[in-house]
Amino acid sequence: MTIIAKETCYLCVISHSVYKKILSTYLTEEHAKKLDFLRNIPLVKDWSNNELSDLLPHAKRTWLYRKNVLYDIGDACTSVYLIKHGEIEVFYIFVMMEIMDKKDYKRVTT
């Protein structure tokens, strides 16, 4: 590979070994922050560091703001949500169905 400046560039140059050390320190700190985040979720708070570390690559931190819908009727259920802090409300909606000239109510949950 050849790298050519297309215009005048001002660069900061550090050695590969220093870069790896800085990156390693950063990743270690980030890993520790993510583990602390997971440790504060009641469902997994008692898991070992190894178990939590196995979960980390699959876990994504996100926010659900007030009045935003997390899941709605008809949505495909593709994820599990572990609540670290906050409160959600689950609504049950009754759908009227006509079955053999009778009125039956089917409970649909979200």
Protein backbone atom coordinates (compact mmCIF):
# COMPACT_ATOMS: atom_id res chain seq x y z
CA MET A 1 0.00 0.00 0.00
CA THR A 2 1.19 3.49 -0.79
CA ILE A 3 -0.16 6.54 1.03
CA ILE A 4 0.19 9.91 -0.67
CA ALA A 5 -0.84 13.32 0.70
CA LYS A 6 -3.45 14.92 -1.55
CA GLU A 7 -2.79 18.25 0.16
CA THR A 8 -0.55 19.58 2.91
CA CYS A 9 -1.21 17.54 6.05
CA TYR A 10 -0.16 18.17 9.62
CA LEU A 11 0.36 14.91 11.47
CA CYS A 12 1.02 13.62 14.93
CA VAL A 13 3.27 10.59 14.80
CA ILE A 14 3.51 8.04 17.60
CA SER A 15 5.15 4.66 17.58
CA HIS A 16 3.11 1.52 17.04
CA SER A 17 4.02 0.22 20.51
CA VAL A 18 2.89 3.45 22.22
CA TYR A 19 -0.34 3.41 20.20
CA LYS A 20 -1.05 -0.21 21.23
CA LYS A 21 -0.39 0.66 24.89
CA ILE A 22 -2.74 3.67 24.78
CA LEU A 23 -5.40 1.67 22.97
CA SER A 24 -5.08 -1.21 25.41
CA THR A 25 -5.50 1.15 28.38
CA TYR A 26 -8.54 2.78 26.76
CA LEU A 27 -10.17 -0.56 25.93
CA THR A 28 -9.52 -1.85 29.44
CA GLU A 29 -11.17 1.25 30.93
CA GLU A 30 -14.13 0.96 28.53
CA HIS A 31 -14.48 -2.73 29.37
CA ALA A 32 -14.54 -1.90 33.10
CA LYS A 33 -17.20 0.81 32.55
CA LYS A 34 -19.39 -1.60 30.60
CA LEU A 35 -19.01 -4.28 33.28
CA ASP A 36 -20.01 -1.75 35.96
CA PHE A 37 -23.06 -0.82 33.88
CA LEU A 38 -24.12 -4.48 33.68
CA ARG A 39 -23.44 -5.06 37.38
CA ASN A 40 -26.12 -2.48 38.17
CA ILE A 41 -28.83 -4.42 36.33
CA PRO A 42 -30.67 -6.53 38.91
CA LEU A 43 -31.12 -9.60 36.70
CA VAL A 44 -27.37 -10.03 36.06
CA LYS A 45 -25.82 -8.30 39.07
CA ASP A 46 -24.64 -11.59 40.60
CA TRP A 47 -23.02 -12.92 37.43
CA SER A 48 -19.25 -13.47 37.43
CA ASN A 49 -16.88 -11.17 35.50
CA ASN A 50 -16.44 -13.91 32.89
CA GLU A 51 -20.19 -14.29 32.40
CA LEU A 52 -20.65 -10.53 32.11
CA SER A 53 -17.70 -10.31 29.72
CA ASP A 54 -19.35 -12.94 27.53
CA LEU A 55 -22.50 -10.80 27.47
CA LEU A 56 -20.69 -7.54 26.62
CA PRO A 57 -20.22 -8.03 22.86
CA HIS A 58 -23.96 -8.61 22.53
CA ALA A 59 -25.17 -5.84 24.85
CA LYS A 60 -25.91 -2.32 23.71
CA ARG A 61 -26.64 0.54 26.07
CA THR A 62 -29.51 2.75 25.03
CA TRP A 63 -32.07 5.19 26.40
CA LEU A 64 -35.84 5.06 26.23
CA TYR A 65 -37.22 8.53 26.77
CA ARG A 66 -40.51 9.26 28.50
CA LYS A 67 -43.55 8.38 26.38
CA ASN A 68 -41.47 6.64 23.71
CA VAL A 69 -42.74 3.20 22.70
CA LEU A 70 -40.35 0.32 23.28
CA TYR A 71 -42.51 -2.38 21.76
CA ASP A 72 -45.87 -2.19 20.03
CA ILE A 73 -48.50 -4.68 18.96
CA GLY A 74 -47.36 -6.46 15.83
CA ASP A 75 -43.66 -5.74 16.35
CA ALA A 76 -41.36 -8.72 15.98
CA CYS A 77 -39.85 -9.59 19.35
CA THR A 78 -36.13 -9.75 18.53
CA SER A 79 -34.50 -8.52 21.74
CA VAL A 80 -34.62 -8.76 25.51
CA TYR A 81 -34.47 -5.49 27.42
CA LEU A 82 -32.80 -5.41 30.84
CA ILE A 83 -33.79 -2.29 32.75
CA LYS A 84 -30.94 -0.73 34.71
CA HIS A 85 -32.93 2.24 35.96
CA GLY A 86 -36.39 3.61 35.33
CA GLU A 87 -39.89 2.32 35.00
CA ILE A 88 -41.96 1.13 32.08
CA GLU A 89 -45.67 0.54 31.77
CA VAL A 90 -47.20 -2.47 30.08
CA PHE A 91 -50.63 -2.05 28.53
CA TYR A 92 -53.03 -4.89 27.83
CA ILE A 93 -55.35 -4.28 24.93
CA PHE A 94 -58.52 -6.31 24.44
CA VAL A 95 -59.30 -7.06 20.83
CA MET A 96 -62.89 -7.98 20.00
CA MET A 97 -63.16 -10.93 17.65
CA GLU A 98 -66.20 -12.39 15.98
CA ILE A 99 -65.96 -16.19 16.20
CA MET A 100 -68.93 -18.31 15.15
CA ASP A 101 -71.38 -15.45 15.76
CA LYS A 102 -70.12 -15.09 19.34
CA LYS A 103 -68.18 -12.22 20.79
CA ASP A 104 -64.94 -13.45 22.31
CA TYR A 105 -62.23 -11.28 23.75
CA LYS A 106 -58.64 -12.15 23.09
CA ARG A 107 -56.02 -10.58 25.33
CA VAL A 108 -53.08 -9.20 23.40
CA THR A 109 -50.05 -8.17 25.45
CA THR A 110 -47.21 -5.86 24.61
